[in-house]
Amino acid sequence: MAMQAHEIEALIRAEFPDAKVTITDLAGDGNHYAAEVIDASFAGKNRVQQQRAVYAALKGKMDGAHGELHALALTTKAPD
C-alpha cells in the first residue's frame, strides 16, 4: 500500500511541528518521494543524526520489504 505525500508530511510534522517540510513525489507512483526538512532542532547535529530523527518520525513506515513507503530521498538541515 503506497503512502500519500500528505501522510508523510503529517508524520514528520508530528515530531517537527515548526519545520519547513517539502515532499515531492519523484515518480508519480506514490512509492518514491523526496523530502526536505528544515528545522531548528537540527542545529549542532550532523546529517546522520538529523536523518535518523526524521526516519524515527516515520514510525516504521519504511521498515522492511513490506513498508508502506518504499523510497525517500531525504535532505535535512537547520535554518540559515
N, C-alpha and C. Protein backbone atom coordinates (compact mmCIF):
# COMPACT_ATOMS: atom_id res chain seq x y z
N MET A 1 0.85 -1.19 0.00
CA MET A 1 0.00 0.00 0.00
C MET A 1 0.89 1.24 0.00
N ALA A 2 0.74 2.08 -0.98
CA ALA A 2 1.54 3.29 -1.11
C ALA A 2 1.05 4.36 -0.14
N MET A 3 1.95 5.26 0.18
CA MET A 3 1.60 6.40 1.05
C MET A 3 1.41 7.64 0.19
N GLN A 4 0.60 8.54 0.68
CA GLN A 4 0.40 9.83 0.02
C GLN A 4 1.36 10.85 0.63
N ALA A 5 1.70 11.87 -0.13
CA ALA A 5 2.62 12.90 0.34
C ALA A 5 2.13 13.55 1.63
N HIS A 6 0.83 13.80 1.73
CA HIS A 6 0.31 14.46 2.93
C HIS A 6 0.44 13.58 4.17
N GLU A 7 0.43 12.25 3.99
CA GLU A 7 0.62 11.33 5.11
C GLU A 7 2.06 11.39 5.62
N ILE A 8 3.00 11.44 4.70
CA ILE A 8 4.42 11.55 5.07
C ILE A 8 4.64 12.87 5.80
N GLU A 9 4.10 13.94 5.25
CA GLU A 9 4.26 15.25 5.87
C GLU A 9 3.65 15.28 7.27
N ALA A 10 2.50 14.66 7.45
CA ALA A 10 1.85 14.64 8.76
C ALA A 10 2.69 13.91 9.80
N LEU A 11 3.29 12.80 9.42
CA LEU A 11 4.16 12.07 10.35
C LEU A 11 5.37 12.91 10.75
N ILE A 12 5.97 13.59 9.78
CA ILE A 12 7.14 14.43 10.07
C ILE A 12 6.73 15.62 10.93
N ARG A 13 5.61 16.25 10.60
CA ARG A 13 5.14 17.41 11.37
C ARG A 13 4.76 17.06 12.81
N ALA A 14 4.35 15.83 13.04
CA ALA A 14 4.01 15.42 14.40
C ALA A 14 5.23 15.51 15.32
N GLU A 15 6.41 15.25 14.77
CA GLU A 15 7.65 15.33 15.54
C GLU A 15 8.36 16.66 15.41
N PHE A 16 8.15 17.33 14.30
CA PHE A 16 8.81 18.61 14.00
C PHE A 16 7.76 19.64 13.58
N PRO A 17 6.93 20.11 14.53
CA PRO A 17 5.79 20.96 14.18
C PRO A 17 6.17 22.31 13.56
N ASP A 18 7.36 22.80 13.84
CA ASP A 18 7.76 24.11 13.32
C ASP A 18 8.65 24.00 12.08
N ALA A 19 8.87 22.80 11.60
CA ALA A 19 9.76 22.59 10.46
C ALA A 19 9.14 23.07 9.16
N LYS A 20 10.02 23.43 8.24
CA LYS A 20 9.61 23.65 6.86
C LYS A 20 9.77 22.28 6.19
N VAL A 21 8.67 21.72 5.72
CA VAL A 21 8.67 20.37 5.14
C VAL A 21 8.18 20.46 3.69
N THR A 22 8.98 19.92 2.79
CA THR A 22 8.59 19.86 1.38
C THR A 22 8.68 18.41 0.93
N ILE A 23 7.57 17.88 0.43
CA ILE A 23 7.52 16.49 -0.05
C ILE A 23 7.28 16.52 -1.56
N THR A 24 8.07 15.75 -2.30
CA THR A 24 7.94 15.67 -3.75
C THR A 24 7.80 14.21 -4.16
N ASP A 25 6.78 13.90 -4.94
CA ASP A 25 6.60 12.55 -5.49
C ASP A 25 7.50 12.46 -6.73
N LEU A 26 8.56 11.69 -6.63
CA LEU A 26 9.58 11.66 -7.70
C LEU A 26 9.16 10.90 -8.94
N ALA A 27 8.33 9.87 -8.77
CA ALA A 27 8.00 9.01 -9.91
C ALA A 27 6.51 9.00 -10.24
N GLY A 28 5.71 9.69 -9.44
CA GLY A 28 4.28 9.71 -9.69
C GLY A 28 3.59 8.40 -9.33
N ASP A 29 4.30 7.55 -8.58
CA ASP A 29 3.74 6.23 -8.25
C ASP A 29 3.37 6.08 -6.78
N GLY A 30 3.55 7.13 -5.99
CA GLY A 30 3.24 7.04 -4.57
C GLY A 30 4.20 6.18 -3.78
N ASN A 31 5.32 5.82 -4.36
CA ASN A 31 6.30 4.98 -3.68
C ASN A 31 7.69 5.60 -3.59
N HIS A 32 7.97 6.60 -4.39
CA HIS A 32 9.29 7.21 -4.43
C HIS A 32 9.17 8.71 -4.20
N TYR A 33 9.61 9.13 -3.04
CA TYR A 33 9.47 10.53 -2.64
C TYR A 33 10.82 11.15 -2.30
N ALA A 34 10.85 12.46 -2.34
CA ALA A 34 11.95 13.24 -1.78
C ALA A 34 11.33 14.13 -0.71
N ALA A 35 12.06 14.31 0.37
CA ALA A 35 11.59 15.18 1.44
C ALA A 35 12.74 16.10 1.85
N GLU A 36 12.40 17.37 2.01
CA GLU A 36 13.34 18.33 2.58
C GLU A 36 12.73 18.79 3.90
N VAL A 37 13.51 18.66 4.96
CA VAL A 37 13.04 19.04 6.29
C VAL A 37 14.05 20.02 6.88
N ILE A 38 13.58 21.22 7.14
CA ILE A 38 14.43 22.27 7.72
C ILE A 38 13.86 22.59 9.09
N ASP A 39 14.66 22.35 10.14
CA ASP A 39 14.16 22.54 11.49
C ASP A 39 15.28 23.02 12.41
N ALA A 40 14.93 23.92 13.31
CA ALA A 40 15.92 24.48 14.24
C ALA A 40 16.51 23.41 15.15
N SER A 41 15.79 22.34 15.42
CA SER A 41 16.31 21.29 16.30
C SER A 41 17.51 20.57 15.70
N PHE A 42 17.76 20.76 14.41
CA PHE A 42 18.89 20.12 13.75
C PHE A 42 20.21 20.86 13.99
N ALA A 43 20.15 22.06 14.53
CA ALA A 43 21.37 22.85 14.78
C ALA A 43 22.30 22.06 15.69
N GLY A 44 23.55 21.96 15.29
CA GLY A 44 24.55 21.27 16.09
C GLY A 44 24.57 19.77 15.90
N LYS A 45 23.67 19.23 15.09
CA LYS A 45 23.64 17.80 14.82
C LYS A 45 24.22 17.53 13.44
N ASN A 46 24.88 16.40 13.28
CA ASN A 46 25.40 16.07 11.95
C ASN A 46 24.26 15.51 11.10
N ARG A 47 24.53 15.33 9.83
CA ARG A 47 23.49 14.90 8.88
C ARG A 47 22.90 13.55 9.27
N VAL A 48 23.72 12.62 9.73
CA VAL A 48 23.21 11.30 10.12
C VAL A 48 22.24 11.44 11.29
N GLN A 49 22.57 12.23 12.28
CA GLN A 49 21.69 12.43 13.43
C GLN A 49 20.37 13.08 13.00
N GLN A 50 20.46 14.05 12.10
CA GLN A 50 19.25 14.71 11.60
C GLN A 50 18.35 13.72 10.88
N GLN A 51 18.94 12.93 9.99
CA GLN A 51 18.15 12.00 9.19
C GLN A 51 17.59 10.86 10.05
N ARG A 52 18.32 10.41 11.02
CA ARG A 52 17.79 9.38 11.93
C ARG A 52 16.55 9.90 12.66
N ALA A 53 16.59 11.17 13.04
CA ALA A 53 15.44 11.76 13.75
C ALA A 53 14.21 11.78 12.84
N VAL A 54 14.40 12.10 11.56
CA VAL A 54 13.27 12.13 10.63
C VAL A 54 12.77 10.71 10.36
N TYR A 55 13.69 9.77 10.16
CA TYR A 55 13.26 8.39 9.93
C TYR A 55 12.50 7.85 11.14
N ALA A 56 12.92 8.22 12.35
CA ALA A 56 12.20 7.80 13.56
C ALA A 56 10.78 8.36 13.55
N ALA A 57 10.62 9.58 13.04
CA ALA A 57 9.29 10.21 12.97
C ALA A 57 8.36 9.45 12.03
N LEU A 58 8.92 8.70 11.09
CA LEU A 58 8.10 7.93 10.15
C LEU A 58 7.53 6.66 10.76
N LYS A 59 7.90 6.39 11.98
CA LYS A 59 7.29 5.32 12.79
C LYS A 59 7.20 3.97 12.07
N GLY A 60 8.31 3.56 11.47
CA GLY A 60 8.37 2.24 10.85
C GLY A 60 7.75 2.11 9.48
N LYS A 61 7.29 3.19 8.90
CA LYS A 61 6.62 3.11 7.59
C LYS A 61 7.58 2.70 6.47
N MET A 62 8.91 2.79 6.70
CA MET A 62 9.89 2.39 5.70
C MET A 62 10.53 1.05 6.03
N ASP A 63 10.11 0.41 7.11
CA ASP A 63 10.76 -0.80 7.58
C ASP A 63 10.50 -2.00 6.69
N GLY A 64 11.56 -2.63 6.25
CA GLY A 64 11.46 -3.90 5.54
C GLY A 64 10.82 -3.83 4.16
N ALA A 65 10.72 -4.97 3.56
CA ALA A 65 10.18 -5.08 2.20
C ALA A 65 8.70 -4.76 2.13
N HIS A 66 8.01 -4.82 3.26
CA HIS A 66 6.57 -4.59 3.25
C HIS A 66 6.19 -3.23 3.84
N GLY A 67 7.18 -2.33 3.97
CA GLY A 67 6.88 -0.99 4.46
C GLY A 67 5.99 -0.24 3.49
N GLU A 68 5.22 0.68 4.01
CA GLU A 68 4.30 1.45 3.16
C GLU A 68 5.02 2.46 2.28
N LEU A 69 6.20 2.87 2.72
CA LEU A 69 6.98 3.86 1.98
C LEU A 69 8.23 3.17 1.45
N HIS A 70 8.33 3.06 0.14
CA HIS A 70 9.41 2.30 -0.48
C HIS A 70 10.73 3.08 -0.51
N ALA A 71 10.70 4.34 -0.92
CA ALA A 71 11.94 5.10 -1.08
C ALA A 71 11.71 6.56 -0.71
N LEU A 72 12.66 7.10 0.05
CA LEU A 72 12.58 8.51 0.44
C LEU A 72 13.98 9.11 0.38
N ALA A 73 14.19 10.01 -0.56
CA ALA A 73 15.44 10.77 -0.64
C ALA A 73 15.29 11.93 0.34
N LEU A 74 16.12 11.95 1.35
CA LEU A 74 15.93 12.87 2.46
C LEU A 74 17.04 13.91 2.53
N THR A 75 16.63 15.17 2.59
CA THR A 75 17.55 16.29 2.82
C THR A 75 17.13 16.97 4.11
N THR A 76 18.07 17.15 5.02
CA THR A 76 17.76 17.80 6.29
C THR A 76 18.79 18.89 6.55
N LYS A 77 18.35 19.93 7.24
CA LYS A 77 19.28 20.98 7.66
C LYS A 77 18.60 21.91 8.64
N ALA A 78 19.43 22.65 9.37
CA ALA A 78 18.92 23.70 10.25
C ALA A 78 18.69 24.94 9.41
N PRO A 79 17.80 25.83 9.85
CA PRO A 79 17.57 27.06 9.09
C PRO A 79 18.84 27.90 9.02
N ASP A 80 18.95 28.68 7.97
CA ASP A 80 20.11 29.58 7.81
C ASP A 80 20.08 30.70 8.81
